[in-house]
C-alpha atoms as a PDB file:
ATOM      1  CA  MET A   1       0.000   0.000   0.000  1.00  0.00           C
ATOM      2  CA  SER A   2       1.369   3.414  -0.885  1.00  0.00           C
ATOM      3  CA  CYS A   3       2.007   6.165   1.614  1.00  0.00           C
ATOM      4  CA  THR A   4      -0.819   8.245   0.117  1.00  0.00           C
ATOM      5  CA  VAL A   5      -3.330   5.420   0.551  1.00  0.00           C
ATOM      6  CA  GLU A   6      -2.220   4.881   4.154  1.00  0.00           C
ATOM      7  CA  GLU A   7      -2.541   8.606   4.866  1.00  0.00           C
ATOM      8  CA  ARG A   8      -5.992   8.718   3.276  1.00  0.00           C
ATOM      9  CA  ASN A   9      -7.116   5.717   5.341  1.00  0.00           C
ATOM     10  CA  ARG A  10      -5.745   7.316   8.499  1.00  0.00           C
ATOM     11  CA  ALA A  11      -7.635  10.544   7.738  1.00  0.00           C
ATOM     12  CA  ARG A  12     -10.841   8.582   7.083  1.00  0.00           C
ATOM     13  CA  GLY A  13     -10.399   6.807  10.421  1.00  0.00           C
ATOM     14  CA  VAL A  14     -10.115  10.176  12.171  1.00  0.00           C
ATOM     15  CA  ILE A  15     -13.286  11.391  10.466  1.00  0.00           C
ATOM     16  CA  HIS A  16     -15.059   8.229  11.618  1.00  0.00           C
ATOM     17  CA  GLU A  17     -13.955   8.819  15.234  1.00  0.00           C
ATOM     18  CA  LEU A  18     -14.903  12.499  15.105  1.00  0.00           C
ATOM     19  CA  GLY A  19     -18.331  11.543  13.773  1.00  0.00           C
ATOM     20  CA  LYS A  20     -19.051   9.826  17.096  1.00  0.00           C
ATOM     21  CA  ARG A  21     -18.747  13.128  18.974  1.00  0.00           C
ATOM     22  CA  SER A  22     -21.830  15.251  19.571  1.00  0.00           C
ATOM     23  CA  ASP A  23     -19.815  18.500  19.497  1.00  0.00           C
ATOM     24  CA  VAL A  24     -18.584  17.876  15.927  1.00  0.00           C
ATOM     25  CA  ILE A  25     -20.965  19.552  13.476  1.00  0.00           C
ATOM     26  CA  GLY A  26     -19.245  18.184  10.392  1.00  0.00           C
ATOM     27  CA  THR A  27     -15.996  17.196   8.710  1.00  0.00           C
ATOM     28  CA  ASP A  28     -14.566  17.425   5.231  1.00  0.00           C
ATOM     29  CA  LEU A  29     -11.683  15.419   3.765  1.00  0.00           C
ATOM     30  CA  ILE A  30      -9.687  17.305   1.144  1.00  0.00           C
ATOM     31  CA  ALA A  31      -7.394  15.402  -1.219  1.00  0.00           C
ATOM     32  CA  PRO A  32      -3.769  16.483  -1.715  1.00  0.00           C
ATOM     33  CA  ALA A  33      -4.498  17.487  -5.318  1.00  0.00           C
ATOM     34  CA  ARG A  34      -7.146  19.973  -4.093  1.00  0.00           C
ATOM     35  CA  ASP A  35      -5.321  21.383  -1.062  1.00  0.00           C
ATOM     36  CA  PRO A  36      -2.482  23.922  -1.286  1.00  0.00           C
ATOM     37  CA  SER A  37      -0.474  21.925   1.276  1.00  0.00           C
ATOM     38  CA  GLY A  38      -0.395  18.898  -1.037  1.00  0.00           C
ATOM     39  CA  ARG A  39      -1.433  16.693   1.904  1.00  0.00           C
ATOM     40  CA  TRP A  40      -4.613  14.971   3.044  1.00  0.00           C
ATOM     41  CA  THR A  41      -6.473  17.637   5.016  1.00  0.00           C
ATOM     42  CA  ILE A  42      -9.429  17.410   7.385  1.00  0.00           C
ATOM     43  CA  GLU A  43     -11.587  20.429   8.089  1.00  0.00           C
ATOM     44  CA  ILE A  44     -13.652  20.129  11.266  1.00  0.00           C
ATOM     45  CA  ALA A  45     -16.601  22.281  12.364  1.00  0.00           C
ATOM     46  CA  LEU A  46     -17.217  22.238  16.114  1.00  0.00           C
ATOM     47  CA  ASP A  47     -20.118  23.390  18.268  1.00  0.00           C
ATOM     48  CA  THR A  48     -17.772  24.434  21.104  1.00  0.00           C
ATOM     49  CA  ASP A  49     -15.898  27.402  22.506  1.00  0.00           C
ATOM     50  CA  GLY A  50     -12.449  26.160  21.558  1.00  0.00           C
ATOM     51  CA  LEU A  51     -10.834  22.901  20.559  1.00  0.00           C
ATOM     52  CA  PRO A  52     -11.784  20.122  23.018  1.00  0.00           C
ATOM     53  CA  ALA A  53      -8.961  18.027  24.459  1.00  0.00           C
ATOM     54  CA  ALA A  54     -10.704  14.868  23.243  1.00  0.00           C
ATOM     55  CA  VAL A  55     -10.526  16.113  19.637  1.00  0.00           C
ATOM     56  CA  VAL A  56      -6.840  16.969  20.085  1.00  0.00           C
ATOM     57  CA  MET A  57      -6.276  13.422  21.379  1.00  0.00           C
ATOM     58  CA  ILE A  58      -8.033  11.863  18.362  1.00  0.00           C
ATOM     59  CA  LEU A  59      -5.876  13.931  15.997  1.00  0.00           C
ATOM     60  CA  GLY A  60      -2.708  13.219  17.985  1.00  0.00           C
ATOM     61  CA  GLU A  61      -3.280   9.473  18.116  1.00  0.00           C
ATOM     62  CA  ALA A  62      -3.525   9.511  14.314  1.00  0.00           C
ATOM     63  CA  GLU A  63      -0.311  11.575  14.106  1.00  0.00           C
ATOM     64  CA  MET A  64      -2.098  14.480  12.448  1.00  0.00           C
ATOM     65  CA  THR A  65      -0.841  18.053  12.626  1.00  0.00           C
ATOM     66  CA  ILE A  66      -3.226  20.831  13.649  1.00  0.00           C
ATOM     67  CA  TRP A  67      -2.739  23.799  11.328  1.00  0.00           C
ATOM     68  CA  ASP A  68      -5.490  26.212  12.215  1.00  0.00           C
ATOM     69  CA  VAL A  69      -8.041  26.627  14.990  1.00  0.00           C
ATOM     70  CA  GLY A  70     -10.388  29.537  15.449  1.00  0.00           C
ATOM     71  CA  PRO A  71     -13.921  30.833  15.774  1.00  0.00           C
ATOM     72  CA  ARG A  72     -16.158  31.085  12.707  1.00  0.00           C
ATOM     73  CA  GLN A  73     -19.506  32.811  13.242  1.00  0.00           C
ATOM     74  CA  SER A  74     -21.259  30.684  15.904  1.00  0.00           C
ATOM     75  CA  TRP A  75     -18.940  27.646  15.702  1.00  0.00           C
ATOM     76  CA  TRP A  76     -15.245  26.756  15.811  1.00  0.00           C
ATOM     77  CA  HIS A  77     -13.121  25.525  12.926  1.00  0.00           C
ATOM     78  CA  CYS A  78     -10.056  23.271  12.977  1.00  0.00           C
ATOM     79  CA  THR A  79      -7.833  22.223  10.094  1.00  0.00           C
ATOM     80  CA  ALA A  80      -5.529  19.229  10.474  1.00  0.00           C
ATOM     81  CA  VAL A  81      -3.241  17.463   7.993  1.00  0.00           C
ATOM     82  CA  VAL A  82      -1.737  13.980   7.765  1.00  0.00           C
END
């Protein structure tokens, strides 16, 4: 299996885990060809006032890097890359 396939599968696993959380409004997986970073990227929308430690743990366990966290209108946004 190629590195890209492994990274994609890891990102999909993170999305699956995040989907179990009630404070996650939604997620989006962006392919390397579509993202300026050239890496698999997950965008997360959160119904919280900040980035919960449990979400950080999910991302950390999958060895993802958090790039951006901040408020957006009435929700929070997080971007993480594999």
